[in-house]
Structures are given as structure tokens and as C-alpha cells.
Amino acid sequence: MKYILALDQGTTSSRAILFDSFGNVAGKAYQEFRQIYPRAGWVEHDPKDILGSQVGVIAEALVRAGADIKDVEAVGISNQRETTLVWDALTGQPIYNAIVWQCRRTAEMCDALKESGADKIIYAKTGLIADAYFSATKIKWILDNVQGARSLANAGRLRFGTVDTYLLYKLSGGRIFATDYTNAARTMLFNIHTREWDDDLLSLFDIPRSMLPEVYPSGYVYGSTDAAFLGRKLNICAVAGDQQAALYGHLCTHKGDIKNTYGTGCFLLMNTGGEAVQSRNGLITSLAAGYTRSPDYILEGSVFVGGAAVQWLRDEMRLIDTAAESEALATKVPSSDGVYVVPAFTGLGAPYWDARARGAIVGITRGTSREHIVRATLEGIAYQVADIVSAMERDAGIKINQLRVDGGASANNFLMSFQSDILGCSVLRPAVVETTALGAAYLAGITSGMWSDAEELRNNERIERTFTPSIGKEKRAKLLSGWRSAVSAARIR
């Protein structure tokens, strides 16, 4: 048996998953690592923790699979996006901790970009809004605030990378300095139309071009690991940012294909084919994972509070003891009885982009019970997803007929059923829910020759359950009208 080794480097943990030739999980292991919060709103990782945890789980995954390193055909990497590392090319040592995508230290810098009108240039070239979420302002902060960094950068000594680039560099013993289109497109420095680092943006942020890695398709033979790490050299044949990797893990390779990951928040991606759709509804335009120098484009929208709303029910409201209990309670009542929960605890994301909005519970009566609140909270997640799907349909001019799902909250059957009802389309939950790692494995497997193409993989695809709508258009319209009124209430400040 031959295997593909997927390294899934996330925000709170590193995982290694071995997939067999049928795309099944043969063995997996994970290790959490330290989160660093130097100040309120600042989030960092120690680069040694990222590398050490990722290398550390590989041997365990092999043991769990009953496999040997010689059975591994290729390696694919998926990673937390936008997180920024800068290191010295001569020593290989980072000059500062990794600044995580969640970090807000450069928010004022982004406000200044908007005030100057530079945000319009940024969107036109990158498809991104000017936000501290992305890498460019993080790089500039390191160069401006770490002693000696600017002079080292100007001398050509420093290297920048998102987490994938850092892993490639370290796992190869410093021989590979590269990234893929999906990660480059999230830096706010990469022109998604020319698919090149953009000189105007580099000048805007005062970042030397010598710091930047080469950019290749997600499915590509990047080089090999150093034998010192794994006992033998392995070809690294794929790299992709986590959400684009998940899109490929669902085999959403056709125009109009869409997936949603139900994590702490929700991340929706729609494949728009060869067209870079300019959003009029607060969505991001970016690049999809692929094998050519002309990858497909995507629209992306984010829900700030998804599964975190269930955690709120459990930890703060103490209405449930476990996340799984929410499904049972929601089904004890036939409806939410006019109650809406808008979980805008940190504002509303796409398509509203209202940082001032706050959570609201609307429609409470004397008869409102715990079950109604729990059900309305789960429904609130689905309504937020529906808002983004609607925005995508309007931007792309595409009516979707199915949504593919993954993430922890996708295990909630009530939520998936209501999601299908409120979207008026099928919701497909795969048998293999490790879609981020699976996407990296698919990309590496096709590149290495284990599989011929995505069509072959579709023959192995297994859907665990399909949810279909059980309500009509009139009821759907009434529910959505109530949701819009509840959102309006949450936006009154």
C-alpha cells in the first residue's frame, strides 16, 4: 500500500494524516502548541513550536497507520493562512515570533490605508480589503519595529514566508524558498490578475522584493525533504492554504461549486472558474488551488461566529452541557416560535461588515424556553451562512443547487437540515470530514501520479449524508424576513 502524507498546520495544532490510495484516513496524529498574547489583540506563535509540533506528529501518524516512511509516495501541506514569519537567510533563524492572522496590531495602519484611498488600489490588484488580517502590514510592522530588521532587509538578508513557506524552507534544509498561489494571494502583495508579486504594492508597504518566495501552482513538485527529518527524502508535491485545500478536498473544481467549513467561524468559498468576480457585497476575491499557472478564481465570505455560538450556549449561558446536546434540545420544539438569535458577539462579517453590531435575541415571549433559545442559536448560524450564499449568487450570477460542508458543527444534523431548508438546496456531508488535509493529499497524489485527475477521485468520493429542503418558498421567505428584522435590531447602536 502506498500513502500520501498530509501535513495540516493549523492555528492551534499541527496534524499529520496518512491517506491511502482510496482517499481513506489510514492514520493520524495531532499536537497542540502554545498561543502567545503579548498584548490585548496581539497573537503570536513561536516558530519553533510550529515546526516542532508538525514534525513530531509524523512518526505517530505512521505508527497508527501501521506504515513505514518508505510507503509514503508524496507529501502535501495545508496551512493556516496569512500568518507571517520573517527569518535571516544566513542563519535560518526567525527574527521575531510568527504574527498570527488573528492579530490586530496593524489595524491602525489599515485605517490609514483606507483614509488615503490606497485600499481601492489594494482591492483592484489583490481582491482583498485593507485589513490587519492579511500579511503585508504584518511584514511592515516587523521591519519597522524589530531592531536591525530594516537594514537586514535592505541588504537582502531577510526572507518572508507564510507558514507553508517556512515549513518548506525548514523541511528541505533551506533548499526550497517558495509558496503557492493560494497563500501568495492572501498577503496583500500579490496581483491575482497577473499572478505576480506587485511592485506598486511592495513600494506601498516598503518591502524589498528579495524577501519574497517564488510562487508556483498548488499542485507542483516543490522539491524534497531533507533526509535528516524523516529518515529519507520525500517529494513535497502540494501546498495550499487551508480553506482552498478544503475546497479541493470537496472536489469543488467546477464553476459554481461551493463549500462551507463550520468551525469557530464559518468560511464559504465558491469556485468562479476563470473569472475574477468583483464583489459588490463585501466578499473577497482570491485564487483557488490547482495545477496550472492559470488557476481558477474564488469568492470567499466569512462568518465571525459559527460554532462559537454553541460554545457560548455551553460556557457562558450554561443552557447545555455539551455541544452535542444542542441538537437534541433543538428538536424538542417544532420551531423557534419567532425567536431569533443574532450571534454578532464581535460584530457582523460579510456581507454586512458592521464592527459595531452586537449580539441580540429578538422575539422573546413569556412562553420562550431553553429549547427555543438553543434552536434559534443554531438557526442563527445557518441564517448567516445563507446571507453569504445569497451575496455570492448575486455577485457571480450563479444559483447554487448544493452546498458541501465540513467542520465540527457540520456533525449537527439539525443544523444541516435547517441549513438545507433556509438555502432551498441540498447540503452534502462527506464520509471523510478531514477535508483540509484531504485536499492537500489529493493535490499531492495527482501531482505525484498516484491519481490521474479529479474525475478519478470522484469515483472514490463517499457522501455520508445528504440533507434536502423540507419547507416551501413561502415559509422560507417568512423566516428570512424575520431574520433580516433581527439583524437590523442587532445593528442599532
Protein backbone atom coordinates (compact mmCIF):
# COMPACT_ATOMS: atom_id res chain seq x y z
CA MET A 1 0.00 0.00 0.00
CA LYS A 2 1.21 3.48 -0.88
CA TYR A 3 0.20 6.57 1.07
CA ILE A 4 0.08 10.34 0.78
CA LEU A 5 1.24 12.20 3.88
CA ALA A 6 -0.76 15.39 4.52
CA LEU A 7 0.69 17.94 6.93
CA ASP A 8 -2.14 20.13 8.19
CA GLN A 9 -0.61 23.04 10.10
CA GLY A 10 -3.42 24.92 11.85
CA THR A 11 -3.79 27.86 14.19
CA THR A 12 -3.88 25.89 17.43
CA SER A 13 -2.46 22.50 16.45
CA SER A 14 -0.39 20.63 13.88
CA ARG A 15 -1.66 17.38 12.39
CA ALA A 16 -0.29 14.65 10.18
CA ILE A 17 -2.72 12.40 8.31
CA LEU A 18 -1.87 9.42 6.13
CA PHE A 19 -4.31 8.76 3.27
CA ASP A 20 -4.41 5.51 1.34
CA SER A 21 -4.92 5.14 -2.41
CA PHE A 22 -8.71 5.28 -1.96
CA GLY A 23 -8.58 8.60 -0.10
CA ASN A 24 -9.33 6.98 3.26
CA VAL A 25 -7.68 8.03 6.52
CA ALA A 26 -5.18 5.31 7.42
CA GLY A 27 -3.64 7.03 10.43
CA LYS A 28 -3.49 10.46 12.01
CA ALA A 29 -1.98 12.35 14.91
CA TYR A 30 -2.12 15.88 16.21
CA GLN A 31 -0.35 18.08 18.71
CA GLU A 32 -1.49 21.40 20.13
CA PHE A 33 1.01 24.20 20.59
CA ARG A 34 1.29 27.40 22.59
CA GLN A 35 -0.64 30.58 21.79
CA ILE A 36 1.16 33.80 22.72
CA TYR A 37 -0.73 37.01 23.59
CA PRO A 38 1.82 39.80 24.27
CA ARG A 39 -0.90 42.47 24.45
CA ALA A 40 -4.65 42.74 24.03
CA GLY A 41 -5.46 41.99 20.39
CA TRP A 42 -1.95 40.66 19.61
CA VAL A 43 -1.49 36.97 18.74
CA GLU A 44 1.82 35.22 18.08
CA HIS A 45 3.31 31.74 17.66
CA ASP A 46 6.86 30.62 18.37
CA PRO A 47 8.21 29.32 15.01
CA LYS A 48 9.99 26.50 16.86
CA ASP A 49 6.61 25.34 18.19
CA ILE A 50 5.13 25.33 14.69
CA LEU A 51 7.98 23.28 13.21
CA GLY A 52 8.49 21.01 16.22
CA SER A 53 4.83 20.09 16.56
CA GLN A 54 4.45 19.44 12.83
CA VAL A 55 7.49 17.17 12.60
CA GLY A 56 6.59 15.49 15.88
CA VAL A 57 3.23 14.13 14.72
CA ILE A 58 4.52 12.46 11.54
CA ALA A 59 6.00 9.38 13.23
CA GLU A 60 2.86 8.89 15.33
CA ALA A 61 0.63 9.00 12.25
CA LEU A 62 2.82 6.37 10.56
CA VAL A 63 2.60 4.10 13.60
CA ARG A 64 -1.18 4.46 13.79
CA ALA A 65 -1.40 3.53 10.10
CA GLY A 66 0.96 0.58 10.52
CA ALA A 67 3.05 2.10 7.74
CA ASP A 68 6.71 2.77 7.13
CA ILE A 69 8.20 6.00 5.82
CA LYS A 70 9.19 4.14 2.64
CA ASP A 71 5.46 3.59 1.93
CA VAL A 72 4.88 7.35 1.57
CA GLU A 73 4.54 8.39 -2.06
CA ALA A 74 4.49 12.16 -1.53
CA VAL A 75 3.81 14.96 0.94
CA GLY A 76 1.13 17.66 0.73
CA ILE A 77 0.94 20.70 3.01
CA SER A 78 -2.10 22.72 4.07
CA ASN A 79 -1.66 25.64 6.42
CA GLN A 80 -3.21 28.48 8.39
CA ARG A 81 -3.22 31.41 6.00
CA GLU A 82 -1.81 34.96 6.38
CA THR A 83 0.30 34.15 9.47
CA THR A 84 3.65 35.88 8.89
CA LEU A 85 7.23 34.78 9.57
CA VAL A 86 10.48 36.60 8.80
CA TRP A 87 13.89 34.95 9.14
CA ASP A 88 17.58 35.57 8.41
CA ALA A 89 18.68 33.82 5.21
CA LEU A 90 22.20 33.27 6.55
CA THR A 91 21.33 31.76 9.91
CA GLY A 92 17.87 30.40 9.11
CA GLN A 93 16.66 31.85 12.43
CA PRO A 94 13.43 33.86 12.73
CA ILE A 95 13.99 37.46 13.83
CA TYR A 96 10.59 37.62 15.56
CA ASN A 97 7.71 35.36 16.51
CA ALA A 98 5.18 34.46 13.85
CA ILE A 99 2.43 37.11 13.78
CA VAL A 100 -0.84 35.18 13.52
CA TRP A 101 -3.67 36.00 11.12
CA GLN A 102 -5.90 36.87 14.10
CA CYS A 103 -3.52 39.60 15.31
CA ARG A 104 -4.94 43.15 15.19
CA ARG A 105 -1.77 45.13 15.94
CA THR A 106 -1.74 46.72 12.47
CA ALA A 107 -5.41 47.80 12.44
CA GLU A 108 -4.49 51.50 12.64
CA MET A 109 -2.10 51.05 9.71
CA CYS A 110 -5.01 49.64 7.70
CA ASP A 111 -7.26 52.53 8.74
CA ALA A 112 -4.65 54.91 7.35
CA LEU A 113 -4.61 52.99 4.06
CA LYS A 114 -8.37 53.42 3.78
CA GLU A 115 -8.18 57.13 4.59
CA SER A 116 -5.57 57.65 1.86
CA GLY A 117 -7.60 55.72 -0.72
CA ALA A 118 -4.91 53.03 -1.07
CA ASP A 119 -7.49 50.38 -0.19
CA LYS A 120 -9.01 50.80 -3.66
CA ILE A 121 -5.65 50.02 -5.30
CA ILE A 122 -5.22 47.03 -3.00
CA TYR A 123 -8.64 45.61 -3.88
CA ALA A 124 -8.17 46.17 -7.62
CA LYS A 125 -4.89 44.23 -7.62
CA THR A 126 -5.40 41.61 -4.89
CA GLY A 127 -9.17 41.19 -4.45
CA LEU A 128 -8.67 41.83 -0.71
CA ILE A 129 -9.89 44.53 1.63
CA ALA A 130 -7.24 46.53 3.50
CA ASP A 131 -7.27 44.68 6.81
CA ALA A 132 -4.84 43.57 9.53
CA TYR A 133 -5.95 40.00 8.73
CA PHE A 134 -3.53 39.83 5.78
CA SER A 135 0.27 39.58 5.71
CA ALA A 136 1.58 42.84 4.21
CA THR A 137 1.09 45.10 7.22
CA LYS A 138 2.49 42.36 9.47
CA ILE A 139 5.72 42.28 7.43
CA LYS A 140 5.96 46.07 7.54
CA TRP A 141 5.43 46.04 11.31
CA ILE A 142 8.34 43.60 11.78
CA LEU A 143 10.64 45.64 9.53
CA ASP A 144 9.74 48.87 11.35
CA ASN A 145 9.77 47.56 14.92
CA VAL A 146 12.38 44.78 15.22
CA GLN A 147 15.83 46.23 15.83
CA GLY A 148 18.07 45.91 12.76
CA ALA A 149 15.36 44.33 10.61
CA ARG A 150 15.09 47.13 8.07
CA SER A 151 18.85 47.25 7.41
CA LEU A 152 19.00 43.44 7.08
CA ALA A 153 16.09 43.52 4.64
CA ASN A 154 17.70 46.22 2.53
CA ALA A 155 20.88 44.14 2.44
CA GLY A 156 18.94 41.16 1.06
CA ARG A 157 19.38 39.07 4.21
CA LEU A 158 15.75 38.55 5.25
CA ARG A 159 13.14 36.11 3.97
CA PHE A 160 9.38 36.33 4.41
CA GLY A 161 7.01 33.44 4.34
CA THR A 162 3.56 32.34 5.35
CA VAL A 163 3.57 29.10 7.35
CA ASP A 164 3.80 26.90 4.23
CA THR A 165 6.93 28.70 3.06
CA TYR A 166 8.56 28.37 6.47
CA LEU A 167 7.82 24.62 6.59
CA LEU A 168 9.11 24.13 3.04
CA TYR A 169 12.30 26.00 3.91
CA LYS A 170 12.94 24.12 7.13
CA LEU A 171 11.90 20.64 5.97
CA SER A 172 14.15 20.96 2.91
CA GLY A 173 17.16 22.11 4.89
CA GLY A 174 16.91 25.60 3.40
CA ARG A 175 16.85 24.47 -0.24
CA ILE A 176 13.22 25.41 -1.00
CA PHE A 177 12.06 29.02 -0.75
CA ALA A 178 8.61 29.01 -2.32
CA THR A 179 4.88 29.32 -1.83
CA ASP A 180 1.77 28.62 -3.87
CA TYR A 181 -0.82 30.88 -5.48
CA THR A 182 -3.41 30.41 -2.74
CA ASN A 183 -1.09 31.61 0.02
CA ALA A 184 0.54 34.37 -2.03
CA ALA A 185 -2.92 35.70 -2.86
CA ARG A 186 -3.59 36.30 0.86
CA THR A 187 -0.56 38.52 1.51
CA MET A 188 -1.95 41.79 0.04
CA LEU A 189 1.23 41.92 -2.10
CA PHE A 190 0.28 39.54 -4.93
CA ASN A 191 -1.55 40.64 -8.07
CA ILE A 192 -4.14 37.92 -8.68
CA HIS A 193 -4.67 39.05 -12.27
CA THR A 194 -1.03 38.95 -13.42
CA ARG A 195 -0.21 36.27 -10.81
CA GLU A 196 2.99 38.05 -9.80
CA TRP A 197 4.31 39.99 -6.82
CA ASP A 198 3.23 43.57 -7.46
CA ASP A 199 5.87 46.34 -7.48
CA ASP A 200 3.33 49.05 -6.65
CA LEU A 201 2.20 47.18 -3.54
CA LEU A 202 5.77 46.39 -2.49
CA SER A 203 6.52 50.12 -2.75
CA LEU A 204 3.35 51.00 -0.81
CA PHE A 205 4.42 48.80 2.12
CA ASP A 206 8.17 49.41 1.69
CA ILE A 207 9.00 45.72 1.41
CA PRO A 208 12.08 44.61 -0.62
CA ARG A 209 11.35 42.08 -3.37
CA SER A 210 14.34 39.99 -2.20
CA MET A 211 12.30 38.93 0.84
CA LEU A 212 9.65 37.17 -1.25
CA PRO A 213 9.49 33.48 -2.24
CA GLU A 214 8.95 32.04 -5.70
CA VAL A 215 5.28 31.30 -6.44
CA TYR A 216 4.04 28.06 -8.05
CA PRO A 217 0.73 26.22 -8.56
CA SER A 218 -0.62 24.38 -5.52
CA GLY A 219 -0.01 21.02 -7.18
CA TYR A 220 3.70 21.17 -8.04
CA VAL A 221 6.90 19.25 -7.25
CA TYR A 222 8.48 21.78 -4.90
CA GLY A 223 11.45 19.62 -4.06
CA SER A 224 12.23 17.07 -1.37
CA THR A 225 12.52 16.96 2.39
CA ASP A 226 15.91 16.65 4.00
CA ALA A 227 16.57 13.03 4.97
CA ALA A 228 17.56 14.20 8.45
CA PHE A 229 13.92 14.98 9.30
CA LEU A 230 12.09 11.84 8.25
CA GLY A 231 14.82 9.27 7.68
CA ARG A 232 14.59 9.53 3.90
CA LYS A 233 13.85 12.12 1.26
CA LEU A 234 10.20 12.63 0.32
CA ASN A 235 8.87 14.72 -2.54
CA ILE A 236 6.71 17.65 -1.48
CA CYS A 237 4.11 17.77 -4.24
CA ALA A 238 1.45 20.18 -2.98
CA VAL A 239 0.93 23.30 -0.91
CA ALA A 240 -2.37 25.11 -0.31
CA GLY A 241 -3.92 27.49 2.19
CA ASP A 242 -6.35 25.66 4.45
CA GLN A 243 -9.65 26.93 3.02
CA GLN A 244 -8.62 26.42 -0.61
CA ALA A 245 -7.32 22.98 0.34
CA ALA A 246 -10.74 22.19 1.83
CA LEU A 247 -12.42 23.41 -1.37
CA TYR A 248 -10.29 20.93 -3.31
CA GLY A 249 -10.92 18.25 -0.70
CA HIS A 250 -14.60 18.56 -1.61
CA LEU A 251 -13.60 18.34 -5.29
CA CYS A 252 -15.23 21.72 -5.94
CA THR A 253 -13.32 22.15 -9.20
CA HIS A 254 -16.18 23.41 -11.38
CA LYS A 255 -17.60 26.91 -11.69
CA GLY A 256 -20.38 27.42 -9.14
CA ASP A 257 -19.19 24.71 -6.74
CA ILE A 258 -19.36 25.95 -3.14
CA LYS A 259 -18.34 24.69 0.29
CA ASN A 260 -18.68 25.87 3.87
CA THR A 261 -16.47 25.00 6.82
CA TYR A 262 -18.32 25.21 10.15
CA GLY A 263 -15.57 25.96 12.63
CA THR A 264 -15.35 28.63 15.31
CA GLY A 265 -16.45 30.86 12.44
CA CYS A 266 -17.66 29.81 9.01
CA PHE A 267 -15.67 30.05 5.78
CA LEU A 268 -17.55 29.87 2.49
CA LEU A 269 -15.71 29.55 -0.83
CA MET A 270 -17.25 29.48 -4.30
CA ASN A 271 -15.32 28.46 -7.41
CA THR A 272 -15.98 31.13 -10.09
CA GLY A 273 -13.89 29.48 -12.81
CA GLY A 274 -11.63 31.67 -14.92
CA GLU A 275 -13.38 34.89 -13.93
CA ALA A 276 -12.15 37.09 -11.09
CA VAL A 277 -15.55 38.30 -9.89
CA GLN A 278 -15.54 41.80 -8.43
CA SER A 279 -17.76 41.69 -5.36
CA ARG A 280 -20.38 44.34 -4.71
CA ASN A 281 -21.44 42.62 -1.50
CA GLY A 282 -18.40 42.65 0.78
CA LEU A 283 -16.80 39.38 -0.38
CA ILE A 284 -13.14 38.66 -1.08
CA THR A 285 -11.83 37.56 -4.48
CA SER A 286 -8.87 35.18 -4.47
CA LEU A 287 -7.27 32.18 -6.19
CA ALA A 288 -8.22 28.50 -5.97
CA ALA A 289 -5.86 25.54 -5.67
CA GLY A 290 -4.87 23.89 -8.94
CA TYR A 291 -2.06 22.58 -11.14
CA THR A 292 -1.54 25.22 -13.78
CA ARG A 293 -0.22 28.76 -13.99
CA SER A 294 -3.84 29.86 -14.60
CA PRO A 295 -5.77 28.69 -11.52
CA ASP A 296 -9.49 29.26 -11.04
CA TYR A 297 -10.73 32.20 -9.00
CA ILE A 298 -12.91 32.08 -5.89
CA LEU A 299 -15.26 34.28 -3.94
CA GLU A 300 -14.86 33.99 -0.17
CA GLY A 301 -17.01 35.16 2.71
CA SER A 302 -16.56 34.71 6.45
CA VAL A 303 -18.99 34.40 9.36
CA PHE A 304 -17.29 35.60 12.53
CA VAL A 305 -19.30 33.46 14.96
CA GLY A 306 -20.33 29.98 13.82
CA GLY A 307 -19.60 27.05 16.13
CA ALA A 308 -18.55 29.63 18.75
CA ALA A 309 -22.25 30.36 19.24
CA VAL A 310 -22.72 26.80 20.51
CA GLN A 311 -19.74 27.28 22.84
CA TRP A 312 -21.49 30.42 24.12
CA LEU A 313 -24.61 28.36 24.91
CA ARG A 314 -22.45 25.91 26.83
CA ASP A 315 -19.85 28.06 28.59
CA GLU A 316 -21.49 31.45 29.18
CA MET A 317 -25.25 30.82 29.08
CA ARG A 318 -24.94 27.29 30.55
CA LEU A 319 -28.00 26.14 28.65
CA ILE A 320 -26.25 22.95 27.51
CA ASP A 321 -23.56 20.73 28.96
CA THR A 322 -22.07 19.58 25.66
CA ALA A 323 -22.15 20.84 22.09
CA ALA A 324 -23.85 17.61 21.00
CA GLU A 325 -26.75 18.32 23.39
CA SER A 326 -27.77 21.32 21.28
CA GLU A 327 -29.12 19.05 18.54
CA ALA A 328 -31.36 17.08 20.91
CA LEU A 329 -32.77 20.22 22.55
CA ALA A 330 -33.42 21.93 19.21
CA THR A 331 -35.55 19.05 18.01
CA LYS A 332 -37.74 19.06 21.15
CA VAL A 333 -39.70 22.04 19.83
CA PRO A 334 -41.33 22.25 16.38
CA SER A 335 -39.96 25.75 15.74
CA SER A 336 -38.10 28.59 17.42
CA ASP A 337 -41.54 30.20 17.92
CA GLY A 338 -40.49 33.53 16.40
CA VAL A 339 -37.24 33.79 18.39
CA TYR A 340 -34.08 34.84 16.53
CA VAL A 341 -30.54 34.82 17.92
CA VAL A 342 -28.07 37.05 16.06
CA PRO A 343 -24.64 35.96 17.37
CA ALA A 344 -22.85 39.20 16.47
CA PHE A 345 -20.58 38.98 19.51
CA THR A 346 -17.67 40.61 17.65
CA GLY A 347 -19.67 42.42 15.00
CA LEU A 348 -21.02 41.08 11.72
CA GLY A 349 -18.83 39.87 8.87
CA ALA A 350 -19.81 39.53 5.22
CA PRO A 351 -21.98 40.85 3.70
CA TYR A 352 -22.62 43.48 6.41
CA TRP A 353 -19.09 44.30 7.67
CA ASP A 354 -20.51 46.05 10.71
CA ALA A 355 -17.98 46.05 13.55
CA ARG A 356 -20.41 47.97 15.77
CA ALA A 357 -23.16 45.34 15.66
CA ARG A 358 -23.66 43.27 18.80
CA GLY A 359 -25.45 40.06 19.65
CA ALA A 360 -29.20 40.14 20.01
CA ILE A 361 -32.08 37.85 20.97
CA VAL A 362 -35.28 39.00 19.32
CA GLY A 363 -38.88 37.80 19.68
CA ILE A 364 -38.88 36.52 23.27
CA THR A 365 -42.29 35.89 24.87
CA ARG A 366 -43.41 34.50 28.22
CA GLY A 367 -43.51 31.08 26.59
CA THR A 368 -39.91 31.18 25.33
CA SER A 369 -37.98 28.18 26.69
CA ARG A 370 -34.42 26.95 26.82
CA GLU A 371 -35.18 24.77 23.81
CA HIS A 372 -36.32 27.77 21.77
CA ILE A 373 -33.13 29.71 22.56
CA VAL A 374 -30.91 26.75 21.68
CA ARG A 375 -32.78 26.11 18.43
CA ALA A 376 -32.69 29.79 17.46
CA THR A 377 -28.94 29.91 18.09
CA LEU A 378 -28.31 27.02 15.70
CA GLU A 379 -30.65 28.63 13.20
CA GLY A 380 -28.67 31.89 13.58
CA ILE A 381 -25.58 30.11 12.26
CA ALA A 382 -27.50 28.88 9.22
CA TYR A 383 -29.02 32.31 8.53
CA GLN A 384 -25.56 33.91 8.50
CA VAL A 385 -24.36 31.30 6.00
CA ALA A 386 -27.46 31.96 3.88
CA ASP A 387 -26.63 35.68 3.82
CA ILE A 388 -23.21 34.94 2.32
CA VAL A 389 -24.54 32.39 -0.16
CA SER A 390 -27.06 34.98 -1.34
CA ALA A 391 -24.26 37.55 -1.76
CA MET A 392 -22.21 35.04 -3.75
CA GLU A 393 -25.15 34.22 -6.00
CA ARG A 394 -25.69 37.92 -6.72
CA ASP A 395 -22.01 38.63 -7.36
CA ALA A 396 -21.35 35.58 -9.53
CA GLY A 397 -24.74 35.38 -11.22
CA ILE A 398 -24.90 31.69 -10.28
CA LYS A 399 -27.74 29.91 -8.49
CA ILE A 400 -26.36 27.11 -6.33
CA ASN A 401 -28.10 23.75 -6.06
CA GLN A 402 -25.92 22.15 -3.39
CA LEU A 403 -23.60 23.11 -0.55
CA ARG A 404 -20.75 20.85 0.58
CA VAL A 405 -19.92 21.05 4.27
CA ASP A 406 -17.23 20.16 6.79
CA GLY A 407 -16.01 21.31 10.20
CA GLY A 408 -17.09 20.38 13.72
CA ALA A 409 -20.60 21.87 13.65
CA SER A 410 -21.41 20.06 10.39
CA ALA A 411 -21.93 16.97 12.57
CA ASN A 412 -25.11 18.61 13.96
CA ASN A 413 -27.94 17.04 11.97
CA PHE A 414 -30.49 19.67 12.99
CA LEU A 415 -28.20 22.50 11.84
CA MET A 416 -27.51 20.81 8.50
CA SER A 417 -31.20 20.10 7.95
CA PHE A 418 -32.18 23.70 8.71
CA GLN A 419 -29.33 24.93 6.52
CA SER A 420 -30.82 22.98 3.63
CA ASP A 421 -34.28 24.38 4.41
CA ILE A 422 -33.20 28.02 4.52
CA LEU A 423 -31.00 27.76 1.39
CA GLY A 424 -33.53 25.74 -0.57
CA CYS A 425 -30.82 23.37 -1.81
CA SER A 426 -29.13 20.09 -0.90
CA VAL A 427 -26.43 20.00 1.78
CA LEU A 428 -23.82 17.25 1.32
CA ARG A 429 -21.72 15.96 4.23
CA PRO A 430 -18.80 13.73 3.20
CA ALA A 431 -17.79 10.49 4.88
CA VAL A 432 -14.21 11.82 5.24
CA VAL A 433 -14.55 15.08 7.16
CA GLU A 434 -10.79 15.83 7.18
CA THR A 435 -11.31 17.84 4.01
CA THR A 436 -8.46 20.33 4.52
CA ALA A 437 -5.85 17.60 4.80
CA LEU A 438 -7.66 15.56 2.15
CA GLY A 439 -7.40 18.46 -0.31
CA ALA A 440 -3.64 18.67 0.25
CA ALA A 441 -3.42 14.89 -0.21
CA TYR A 442 -5.47 14.98 -3.42
CA LEU A 443 -3.25 17.72 -4.85
CA ALA A 444 -0.07 15.84 -3.91
CA GLY A 445 -1.43 12.50 -5.11
CA ILE A 446 -2.35 13.78 -8.56
CA THR A 447 0.96 15.63 -8.90
CA SER A 448 2.93 12.53 -7.90
CA GLY A 449 0.92 10.24 -10.18
CA MET A 450 -0.98 8.23 -7.55
CA TRP A 451 -4.21 9.50 -9.12
CA SER A 452 -4.73 10.74 -12.66
CA ASP A 453 -7.11 13.64 -12.04
CA ALA A 454 -10.07 14.92 -10.03
CA GLU A 455 -12.51 12.83 -12.06
CA GLU A 456 -10.83 9.63 -10.88
CA LEU A 457 -11.13 10.85 -7.30
CA ARG A 458 -14.84 11.47 -7.76
CA ASN A 459 -15.26 7.75 -8.32
CA ASN A 460 -13.94 7.19 -4.78
CA GLU A 461 -15.94 10.01 -3.21
CA ARG A 462 -18.39 8.98 -0.47
CA ILE A 463 -21.15 11.23 0.86
CA GLU A 464 -22.14 10.24 4.39
CA ARG A 465 -25.47 12.07 4.28
CA THR A 466 -27.43 14.39 2.00
CA PHE A 467 -29.90 16.85 3.53
CA THR A 468 -32.73 18.16 1.34
CA PRO A 469 -35.21 21.01 1.91
CA SER A 470 -38.42 20.19 3.75
CA ILE A 471 -40.12 23.62 3.60
CA GLY A 472 -41.59 25.64 0.75
CA LYS A 473 -40.76 29.06 -0.68
CA GLU A 474 -43.39 30.96 1.33
CA LYS A 475 -42.22 29.67 4.70
CA ARG A 476 -38.58 30.21 3.71
CA ALA A 477 -39.31 33.82 2.73
CA LYS A 478 -41.15 34.45 6.03
CA LEU A 479 -38.27 33.04 8.09
CA LEU A 480 -35.70 35.11 6.18
CA SER A 481 -37.79 38.27 6.60
CA GLY A 482 -37.79 37.71 10.37
CA TRP A 483 -34.01 37.19 10.30
CA ARG A 484 -33.44 40.46 8.44
CA SER A 485 -35.50 42.30 11.06
CA ALA A 486 -33.44 40.68 13.84
CA VAL A 487 -30.18 41.69 12.12
CA SER A 488 -31.47 45.27 11.89
CA ALA A 489 -32.06 45.23 15.65
CA ALA A 490 -28.52 43.95 16.26
CA ARG A 491 -27.11 46.84 14.19
CA ILE A 492 -28.78 49.59 16.22
CA ARG A 493 -26.10 51.17 18.41
